[in-house]
Amino acid sequence: MQSTGTQFPILKWAQRKDRLYLTIMVVHTKKPTIDIIDGKKLKYSGTDGQKNYAFEIELFDEVLKEESKYNLDARNVFLNIKKKKEGPYWERLTKDSVKRHWIEIDWIYYTEEDEEEEAKQPDFGGQDFGDMEMDEDDEPEEKKDDEKKDDEKKDDNKDNEKKDDEKKDEKKDEKKEEEKKADLSDLDKEENK
């Protein structure tokens, strides 16, 4: 499900027998809305300030919204979703077998089912899905720091561009001065003839 002007974000996923670990890759997510509908559908919408992102997928099997959590940082939205039934790994994330170019395996957290005991356990922690109301004050400090750094970089880039423009102007002025001297020199030579 996608409306005009809305894009699919990259969605990476890994799993364990009892959980799904999803990473929605939208840098500087603002006002995300994440919901699990009837334990079967996952719905997301959000913006990075320039583009709108959204998706709705029917999951391979049922999950428990009440025991699932989300968290976000400056680069991603993390979902830690509890499967309704602990058991064998799901064949895929979605109910249907349609290949979606924007859904990928999260190779950082991927593990084979028989190697789950030794596998890296992500700490996606965070808030319950029922707590999705966010104010701008709720943005993580890391996100605010990154935005501040981005603003400083933009200011530095503007200063550098201004300096470059000034240097170009100086070179143009020098070239014009040299051309004037050359023209005057040519005039003097003609007058002396």
C-alpha atoms as a PDB file:
ATOM      1  CA  MET A   1       0.000   0.000   0.000  1.00  0.00           C
ATOM      2  CA  GLN A   2       1.569   3.252  -1.107  1.00  0.00           C
ATOM      3  CA  SER A   3       0.069   6.588  -2.014  1.00  0.00           C
ATOM      4  CA  THR A   4       1.322   8.958  -4.686  1.00  0.00           C
ATOM      5  CA  GLY A   5       4.461  10.807  -3.615  1.00  0.00           C
ATOM      6  CA  THR A   6       5.232   8.213  -0.953  1.00  0.00           C
ATOM      7  CA  GLN A   7       8.172   5.831  -1.139  1.00  0.00           C
ATOM      8  CA  PHE A   8       8.917   2.466   0.407  1.00  0.00           C
ATOM      9  CA  PRO A   9      11.729   2.618   2.965  1.00  0.00           C
ATOM     10  CA  ILE A  10      14.360  -0.113   3.087  1.00  0.00           C
ATOM     11  CA  LEU A  11      13.130  -2.703   5.604  1.00  0.00           C
ATOM     12  CA  LYS A  12      15.723  -5.140   6.945  1.00  0.00           C
ATOM     13  CA  TRP A  13      14.690  -8.141   9.005  1.00  0.00           C
ATOM     14  CA  ALA A  14      16.049 -11.053  10.985  1.00  0.00           C
ATOM     15  CA  GLN A  15      14.346 -13.488  13.319  1.00  0.00           C
ATOM     16  CA  ARG A  16      14.629 -15.860  16.221  1.00  0.00           C
ATOM     17  CA  LYS A  17      12.192 -18.609  17.169  1.00  0.00           C
ATOM     18  CA  ASP A  18      10.191 -16.177  19.295  1.00  0.00           C
ATOM     19  CA  ARG A  19      10.916 -12.729  17.764  1.00  0.00           C
ATOM     20  CA  LEU A  20      11.307 -10.606  14.671  1.00  0.00           C
ATOM     21  CA  TYR A  21      13.939  -7.862  14.492  1.00  0.00           C
ATOM     22  CA  LEU A  22      13.096  -5.226  11.904  1.00  0.00           C
ATOM     23  CA  THR A  23      15.006  -2.097  10.958  1.00  0.00           C
ATOM     24  CA  ILE A  24      13.228   0.598   8.957  1.00  0.00           C
ATOM     25  CA  MET A  25      15.949   2.672   7.351  1.00  0.00           C
ATOM     26  CA  VAL A  26      14.787   6.290   7.241  1.00  0.00           C
ATOM     27  CA  VAL A  27      17.379   8.860   8.327  1.00  0.00           C
ATOM     28  CA  HIS A  28      16.042  11.516  10.726  1.00  0.00           C
ATOM     29  CA  THR A  29      12.572   9.990  10.959  1.00  0.00           C
ATOM     30  CA  LYS A  30      10.026  12.567  12.013  1.00  0.00           C
ATOM     31  CA  LYS A  31       6.604  11.678  13.385  1.00  0.00           C
ATOM     32  CA  PRO A  32       6.681   7.942  12.657  1.00  0.00           C
ATOM     33  CA  THR A  33       3.469   5.977  12.937  1.00  0.00           C
ATOM     34  CA  ILE A  34       3.915   2.264  13.533  1.00  0.00           C
ATOM     35  CA  ASP A  35       1.099  -0.148  14.185  1.00  0.00           C
ATOM     36  CA  ILE A  36       0.382  -3.848  14.302  1.00  0.00           C
ATOM     37  CA  ILE A  37      -3.176  -4.465  13.156  1.00  0.00           C
ATOM     38  CA  ASP A  38      -5.038  -7.564  14.385  1.00  0.00           C
ATOM     39  CA  GLY A  39      -1.697  -9.262  15.068  1.00  0.00           C
ATOM     40  CA  LYS A  40      -1.307  -9.859  11.345  1.00  0.00           C
ATOM     41  CA  LYS A  41      -0.398  -6.604   9.592  1.00  0.00           C
ATOM     42  CA  LEU A  42       2.487  -4.220  10.126  1.00  0.00           C
ATOM     43  CA  LYS A  43       1.886  -0.628   9.097  1.00  0.00           C
ATOM     44  CA  TYR A  44       4.452   2.200   9.010  1.00  0.00           C
ATOM     45  CA  SER A  45       4.454   5.797   7.851  1.00  0.00           C
ATOM     46  CA  GLY A  46       6.930   8.587   8.477  1.00  0.00           C
ATOM     47  CA  THR A  47       8.974  11.327   6.896  1.00  0.00           C
ATOM     48  CA  ASP A  48      12.590  12.444   6.846  1.00  0.00           C
ATOM     49  CA  GLY A  49      11.482  16.044   6.342  1.00  0.00           C
ATOM     50  CA  GLN A  50      11.759  15.850   2.545  1.00  0.00           C
ATOM     51  CA  LYS A  51      10.216  12.533   1.502  1.00  0.00           C
ATOM     52  CA  ASN A  52       7.285  10.557   2.852  1.00  0.00           C
ATOM     53  CA  TYR A  53       7.680   6.829   3.464  1.00  0.00           C
ATOM     54  CA  ALA A  54       5.045   4.182   4.105  1.00  0.00           C
ATOM     55  CA  PHE A  55       4.203   0.515   3.841  1.00  0.00           C
ATOM     56  CA  GLU A  56       1.658  -2.004   5.015  1.00  0.00           C
ATOM     57  CA  ILE A  57       2.472  -5.705   4.898  1.00  0.00           C
ATOM     58  CA  GLU A  58       0.649  -8.813   6.012  1.00  0.00           C
ATOM     59  CA  LEU A  59       3.038 -10.838   8.151  1.00  0.00           C
ATOM     60  CA  PHE A  60       3.779 -14.528   7.577  1.00  0.00           C
ATOM     61  CA  ASP A  61       2.149 -15.463  10.888  1.00  0.00           C
ATOM     62  CA  GLU A  62       0.617 -13.748  13.916  1.00  0.00           C
ATOM     63  CA  VAL A  63       2.486 -11.526  16.358  1.00  0.00           C
ATOM     64  CA  LEU A  64       1.712 -10.003  19.752  1.00  0.00           C
ATOM     65  CA  LYS A  65       1.417  -6.224  19.653  1.00  0.00           C
ATOM     66  CA  GLU A  66       1.320  -5.946  23.466  1.00  0.00           C
ATOM     67  CA  GLU A  67       4.724  -7.642  23.824  1.00  0.00           C
ATOM     68  CA  SER A  68       6.382  -5.843  20.925  1.00  0.00           C
ATOM     69  CA  LYS A  69       8.495  -2.714  21.166  1.00  0.00           C
ATOM     70  CA  TYR A  70      10.011  -0.035  18.960  1.00  0.00           C
ATOM     71  CA  ASN A  71      12.930   2.354  19.277  1.00  0.00           C
ATOM     72  CA  LEU A  72      14.449   4.984  17.032  1.00  0.00           C
ATOM     73  CA  ASP A  73      17.740   6.756  16.605  1.00  0.00           C
ATOM     74  CA  ALA A  74      19.013   9.289  14.091  1.00  0.00           C
ATOM     75  CA  ARG A  75      19.250   6.752  11.285  1.00  0.00           C
ATOM     76  CA  ASN A  76      16.659   3.997  11.826  1.00  0.00           C
ATOM     77  CA  VAL A  77      13.468   2.809  13.434  1.00  0.00           C
ATOM     78  CA  PHE A  78      13.974  -0.520  15.222  1.00  0.00           C
ATOM     79  CA  LEU A  79      11.151  -2.991  15.856  1.00  0.00           C
ATOM     80  CA  ASN A  80      11.352  -5.898  18.282  1.00  0.00           C
ATOM     81  CA  ILE A  81       8.211  -7.897  17.522  1.00  0.00           C
ATOM     82  CA  LYS A  82       7.111 -10.894  19.578  1.00  0.00           C
ATOM     83  CA  LYS A  83       5.826 -13.859  17.574  1.00  0.00           C
ATOM     84  CA  LYS A  84       2.536 -15.311  18.823  1.00  0.00           C
ATOM     85  CA  LYS A  85       3.878 -18.849  18.554  1.00  0.00           C
ATOM     86  CA  GLU A  86       7.457 -19.771  19.339  1.00  0.00           C
ATOM     87  CA  GLY A  87       8.618 -22.328  16.890  1.00  0.00           C
ATOM     88  CA  PRO A  88      10.397 -22.862  13.633  1.00  0.00           C
ATOM     89  CA  TYR A  89      11.702 -19.899  11.669  1.00  0.00           C
ATOM     90  CA  TRP A  90       9.318 -18.296   9.230  1.00  0.00           C
ATOM     91  CA  GLU A  91       9.976 -18.975   5.555  1.00  0.00           C
ATOM     92  CA  ARG A  92       9.695 -15.243   4.828  1.00  0.00           C
ATOM     93  CA  LEU A  93       8.495 -12.045   6.468  1.00  0.00           C
ATOM     94  CA  THR A  94       5.287 -11.656   4.485  1.00  0.00           C
ATOM     95  CA  LYS A  95       2.254 -13.900   4.075  1.00  0.00           C
ATOM     96  CA  ASP A  96       2.514 -13.954   0.290  1.00  0.00           C
ATOM     97  CA  SER A  97       5.645 -14.940  -1.590  1.00  0.00           C
ATOM     98  CA  VAL A  98       5.823 -11.781  -3.722  1.00  0.00           C
ATOM     99  CA  LYS A  99       9.385 -10.416  -3.826  1.00  0.00           C
ATOM    100  CA  ARG A 100       9.526  -6.841  -2.558  1.00  0.00           C
ATOM    101  CA  HIS A 101      12.719  -5.051  -3.584  1.00  0.00           C
ATOM    102  CA  TRP A 102      12.662  -2.922  -0.450  1.00  0.00           C
ATOM    103  CA  ILE A 103      12.621  -5.841   2.035  1.00  0.00           C
ATOM    104  CA  GLU A 104      16.070  -7.305   2.772  1.00  0.00           C
ATOM    105  CA  ILE A 105      17.699  -9.754   5.160  1.00  0.00           C
ATOM    106  CA  ASP A 106      19.472  -7.988   8.027  1.00  0.00           C
ATOM    107  CA  TRP A 107      22.796  -9.792   7.780  1.00  0.00           C
ATOM    108  CA  ILE A 108      24.030  -8.173  11.005  1.00  0.00           C
ATOM    109  CA  TYR A 109      21.432 -10.081  13.063  1.00  0.00           C
ATOM    110  CA  TYR A 110      20.815 -13.019  10.747  1.00  0.00           C
ATOM    111  CA  THR A 111      21.470 -16.470  12.155  1.00  0.00           C
ATOM    112  CA  GLU A 112      20.638 -20.006  11.157  1.00  0.00           C
ATOM    113  CA  GLU A 113      17.885 -21.583  13.244  1.00  0.00           C
ATOM    114  CA  ASP A 114      20.192 -24.262  14.670  1.00  0.00           C
ATOM    115  CA  GLU A 115      22.789 -21.617  15.686  1.00  0.00           C
ATOM    116  CA  GLU A 116      20.365 -19.350  17.527  1.00  0.00           C
ATOM    117  CA  GLU A 117      21.894 -20.050  20.969  1.00  0.00           C
ATOM    118  CA  GLU A 118      25.227 -18.394  20.039  1.00  0.00           C
ATOM    119  CA  ALA A 119      23.704 -15.648  17.900  1.00  0.00           C
ATOM    120  CA  LYS A 120      23.995 -11.943  18.573  1.00  0.00           C
ATOM    121  CA  GLN A 121      20.813 -10.771  20.305  1.00  0.00           C
ATOM    122  CA  PRO A 122      19.841  -7.260  19.248  1.00  0.00           C
ATOM    123  CA  ASP A 123      18.772  -4.875  21.977  1.00  0.00           C
ATOM    124  CA  PHE A 124      16.034  -3.040  20.133  1.00  0.00           C
ATOM    125  CA  GLY A 125      14.264  -2.389  23.459  1.00  0.00           C
ATOM    126  CA  GLY A 126      12.272   0.800  23.505  1.00  0.00           C
ATOM    127  CA  GLN A 127       8.665   1.773  23.861  1.00  0.00           C
ATOM    128  CA  ASP A 128       5.473  -0.203  23.547  1.00  0.00           C
ATOM    129  CA  PHE A 129       3.529   0.125  20.303  1.00  0.00           C
ATOM    130  CA  GLY A 130       0.715   1.826  22.207  1.00  0.00           C
ATOM    131  CA  ASP A 131       3.038   4.755  23.005  1.00  0.00           C
ATOM    132  CA  MET A 132       3.400   6.011  19.438  1.00  0.00           C
ATOM    133  CA  GLU A 133       2.497   9.639  20.192  1.00  0.00           C
ATOM    134  CA  MET A 134       5.732  11.599  19.752  1.00  0.00           C
ATOM    135  CA  ASP A 135       6.488  15.260  20.255  1.00  0.00           C
ATOM    136  CA  GLU A 136       9.552  16.892  18.748  1.00  0.00           C
ATOM    137  CA  ASP A 137      10.947  16.887  22.310  1.00  0.00           C
ATOM    138  CA  ASP A 138      10.847  13.072  22.217  1.00  0.00           C
ATOM    139  CA  GLU A 139      13.499  12.891  19.506  1.00  0.00           C
ATOM    140  CA  PRO A 140      16.564  11.023  20.714  1.00  0.00           C
ATOM    141  CA  GLU A 141      19.533  13.160  21.776  1.00  0.00           C
ATOM    142  CA  GLU A 142      21.712  11.412  19.187  1.00  0.00           C
ATOM    143  CA  LYS A 143      19.290  12.557  16.499  1.00  0.00           C
ATOM    144  CA  LYS A 144      19.351  16.148  17.767  1.00  0.00           C
ATOM    145  CA  ASP A 145      23.173  16.072  17.910  1.00  0.00           C
ATOM    146  CA  ASP A 146      23.348  14.721  14.344  1.00  0.00           C
ATOM    147  CA  GLU A 147      21.021  17.462  13.119  1.00  0.00           C
ATOM    148  CA  LYS A 148      23.186  20.060  14.858  1.00  0.00           C
ATOM    149  CA  LYS A 149      26.318  18.622  13.212  1.00  0.00           C
ATOM    150  CA  ASP A 150      24.570  18.609   9.830  1.00  0.00           C
ATOM    151  CA  ASP A 151      23.657  22.288  10.290  1.00  0.00           C
ATOM    152  CA  GLU A 152      27.269  23.094  11.222  1.00  0.00           C
ATOM    153  CA  LYS A 153      28.516  21.235   8.128  1.00  0.00           C
ATOM    154  CA  LYS A 154      26.090  23.178   5.947  1.00  0.00           C
ATOM    155  CA  ASP A 155      27.358  26.442   7.468  1.00  0.00           C
ATOM    156  CA  ASP A 156      30.972  25.362   6.885  1.00  0.00           C
ATOM    157  CA  ASN A 157      30.146  24.421   3.293  1.00  0.00           C
ATOM    158  CA  LYS A 158      28.527  27.816   2.730  1.00  0.00           C
ATOM    159  CA  ASP A 159      31.609  29.547   4.182  1.00  0.00           C
ATOM    160  CA  ASN A 160      33.895  27.475   1.943  1.00  0.00           C
ATOM    161  CA  GLU A 161      31.761  28.242  -1.115  1.00  0.00           C
ATOM    162  CA  LYS A 162      31.878  31.944  -0.253  1.00  0.00           C
ATOM    163  CA  LYS A 163      35.686  31.821   0.080  1.00  0.00           C
ATOM    164  CA  ASP A 164      35.939  29.971  -3.236  1.00  0.00           C
ATOM    165  CA  ASP A 165      33.763  32.601  -4.905  1.00  0.00           C
ATOM    166  CA  GLU A 166      35.925  35.383  -3.441  1.00  0.00           C
ATOM    167  CA  LYS A 167      39.089  33.679  -4.762  1.00  0.00           C
ATOM    168  CA  LYS A 168      37.503  33.336  -8.210  1.00  0.00           C
ATOM    169  CA  ASP A 169      36.562  37.022  -8.151  1.00  0.00           C
ATOM    170  CA  GLU A 170      40.127  37.973  -7.152  1.00  0.00           C
ATOM    171  CA  LYS A 171      41.551  35.882 -10.006  1.00  0.00           C
ATOM    172  CA  LYS A 172      39.142  37.517 -12.461  1.00  0.00           C
ATOM    173  CA  ASP A 173      40.185  40.961 -11.206  1.00  0.00           C
ATOM    174  CA  GLU A 174      43.882  40.044 -11.536  1.00  0.00           C
ATOM    175  CA  LYS A 175      43.315  38.747 -15.057  1.00  0.00           C
ATOM    176  CA  LYS A 176      41.461  41.940 -16.043  1.00  0.00           C
ATOM    177  CA  GLU A 177      44.316  44.022 -14.567  1.00  0.00           C
ATOM    178  CA  GLU A 178      46.871  42.014 -16.563  1.00  0.00           C
ATOM    179  CA  GLU A 179      44.827  42.452 -19.733  1.00  0.00           C
ATOM    180  CA  LYS A 180      44.671  46.225 -19.139  1.00  0.00           C
ATOM    181  CA  LYS A 181      48.443  46.355 -18.650  1.00  0.00           C
ATOM    182  CA  ALA A 182      48.967  44.326 -21.825  1.00  0.00           C
ATOM    183  CA  ASP A 183      46.637  46.649 -23.751  1.00  0.00           C
ATOM    184  CA  LEU A 184      48.459  49.728 -22.411  1.00  0.00           C
ATOM    185  CA  SER A 185      51.796  48.168 -23.259  1.00  0.00           C
ATOM    186  CA  ASP A 186      50.592  47.529 -26.827  1.00  0.00           C
ATOM    187  CA  LEU A 187      49.380  51.144 -27.087  1.00  0.00           C
ATOM    188  CA  ASP A 188      52.737  52.452 -25.893  1.00  0.00           C
ATOM    189  CA  LYS A 189      54.562  50.365 -28.476  1.00  0.00           C
ATOM    190  CA  GLU A 190      52.333  51.698 -31.269  1.00  0.00           C
ATOM    191  CA  GLU A 191      52.818  55.296 -30.145  1.00  0.00           C
ATOM    192  CA  ASN A 192      56.605  54.903 -30.093  1.00  0.00           C
ATOM    193  CA  LYS A 193      56.714  53.652 -33.666  1.00  0.00           C
END
